[in-house]
Amino acid sequence: MSLIPRWEYMTDDAKAMTKRVTLSALVLLLSLWVIRALIPWVIVALLGSWAFKWLSKSK
């Protein structure tokens, strides 16, 4: 049984478009996963930068 119903009856253009959409969705999900993992580090870096600037001004 094929993953996509009637895959063998689809035109070559429709198959190509389906493959492009699938690849785009996978790239989007992968990039969202990476960004989601990096967000806490970005917040820590911004807070550290802010604290460093605040502490260096208070002298």
C-alpha atoms as a PDB file:
ATOM      1  CA  MET A   1       0.000   0.000   0.000  1.00  0.00           C
ATOM      2  CA  SER A   2       1.439   3.358  -0.987  1.00  0.00           C
ATOM      3  CA  LEU A   3       1.967   6.105   1.537  1.00  0.00           C
ATOM      4  CA  ILE A   4       0.000   8.597  -0.530  1.00  0.00           C
ATOM      5  CA  PRO A   5      -3.153   7.180  -2.129  1.00  0.00           C
ATOM      6  CA  ARG A   6      -3.020   6.981  -5.918  1.00  0.00           C
ATOM      7  CA  TRP A   7       0.663   8.022  -6.073  1.00  0.00           C
ATOM      8  CA  GLU A   8       1.154   5.938  -9.192  1.00  0.00           C
ATOM      9  CA  TYR A   9      -1.657   7.815 -10.953  1.00  0.00           C
ATOM     10  CA  MET A  10      -0.357  11.298 -10.124  1.00  0.00           C
ATOM     11  CA  THR A  11       1.336  13.364 -12.804  1.00  0.00           C
ATOM     12  CA  ASP A  12       5.055  14.054 -12.541  1.00  0.00           C
ATOM     13  CA  ASP A  13       4.347  17.702 -11.706  1.00  0.00           C
ATOM     14  CA  ALA A  14       2.012  16.716  -8.874  1.00  0.00           C
ATOM     15  CA  LYS A  15       4.595  14.275  -7.511  1.00  0.00           C
ATOM     16  CA  ALA A  16       7.305  16.931  -7.638  1.00  0.00           C
ATOM     17  CA  MET A  17       5.085  19.450  -5.864  1.00  0.00           C
ATOM     18  CA  THR A  18       4.228  16.903  -3.170  1.00  0.00           C
ATOM     19  CA  LYS A  19       7.899  16.158  -2.597  1.00  0.00           C
ATOM     20  CA  ARG A  20       8.741  19.882  -2.394  1.00  0.00           C
ATOM     21  CA  VAL A  21       5.967  20.550   0.123  1.00  0.00           C
ATOM     22  CA  THR A  22       7.078  17.590   2.236  1.00  0.00           C
ATOM     23  CA  LEU A  23      10.699  18.723   2.176  1.00  0.00           C
ATOM     24  CA  SER A  24       9.702  22.288   3.051  1.00  0.00           C
ATOM     25  CA  ALA A  25       7.612  21.061   5.983  1.00  0.00           C
ATOM     26  CA  LEU A  26      10.496  18.948   7.284  1.00  0.00           C
ATOM     27  CA  VAL A  27      12.952  21.851   7.013  1.00  0.00           C
ATOM     28  CA  LEU A  28      10.484  24.133   8.809  1.00  0.00           C
ATOM     29  CA  LEU A  29       9.979  21.638  11.633  1.00  0.00           C
ATOM     30  CA  LEU A  30      13.724  21.108  11.992  1.00  0.00           C
ATOM     31  CA  SER A  31      14.435  24.840  12.116  1.00  0.00           C
ATOM     32  CA  LEU A  32      11.662  25.377  14.681  1.00  0.00           C
ATOM     33  CA  TRP A  33      13.151  22.592  16.803  1.00  0.00           C
ATOM     34  CA  VAL A  34      16.610  24.196  16.672  1.00  0.00           C
ATOM     35  CA  ILE A  35      15.280  27.686  17.410  1.00  0.00           C
ATOM     36  CA  ARG A  36      13.227  26.346  20.309  1.00  0.00           C
ATOM     37  CA  ALA A  37      16.371  24.793  21.778  1.00  0.00           C
ATOM     38  CA  LEU A  38      18.335  28.051  21.425  1.00  0.00           C
ATOM     39  CA  ILE A  39      15.769  30.450  22.927  1.00  0.00           C
ATOM     40  CA  PRO A  40      16.787  29.834  26.585  1.00  0.00           C
ATOM     41  CA  TRP A  41      20.452  30.492  25.725  1.00  0.00           C
ATOM     42  CA  VAL A  42      19.540  33.741  23.978  1.00  0.00           C
ATOM     43  CA  ILE A  43      17.551  34.868  27.028  1.00  0.00           C
ATOM     44  CA  VAL A  44      20.467  34.037  29.347  1.00  0.00           C
ATOM     45  CA  ALA A  45      22.883  35.921  27.087  1.00  0.00           C
ATOM     46  CA  LEU A  46      20.632  38.990  26.966  1.00  0.00           C
ATOM     47  CA  LEU A  47      20.155  38.996  30.734  1.00  0.00           C
ATOM     48  CA  GLY A  48      23.908  38.577  31.231  1.00  0.00           C
ATOM     49  CA  SER A  49      24.634  41.440  28.880  1.00  0.00           C
ATOM     50  CA  TRP A  50      22.101  43.649  30.627  1.00  0.00           C
ATOM     51  CA  ALA A  51      23.518  42.759  34.058  1.00  0.00           C
ATOM     52  CA  PHE A  52      27.067  43.429  32.907  1.00  0.00           C
ATOM     53  CA  LYS A  53      26.136  46.860  31.529  1.00  0.00           C
ATOM     54  CA  TRP A  54      24.161  47.712  34.669  1.00  0.00           C
ATOM     55  CA  LEU A  55      26.962  46.645  36.994  1.00  0.00           C
ATOM     56  CA  SER A  56      29.638  48.497  35.034  1.00  0.00           C
ATOM     57  CA  LYS A  57      27.617  51.757  35.101  1.00  0.00           C
ATOM     58  CA  SER A  58      27.021  51.672  38.842  1.00  0.00           C
ATOM     59  CA  LYS A  59      30.675  52.442  39.724  1.00  0.00           C
END
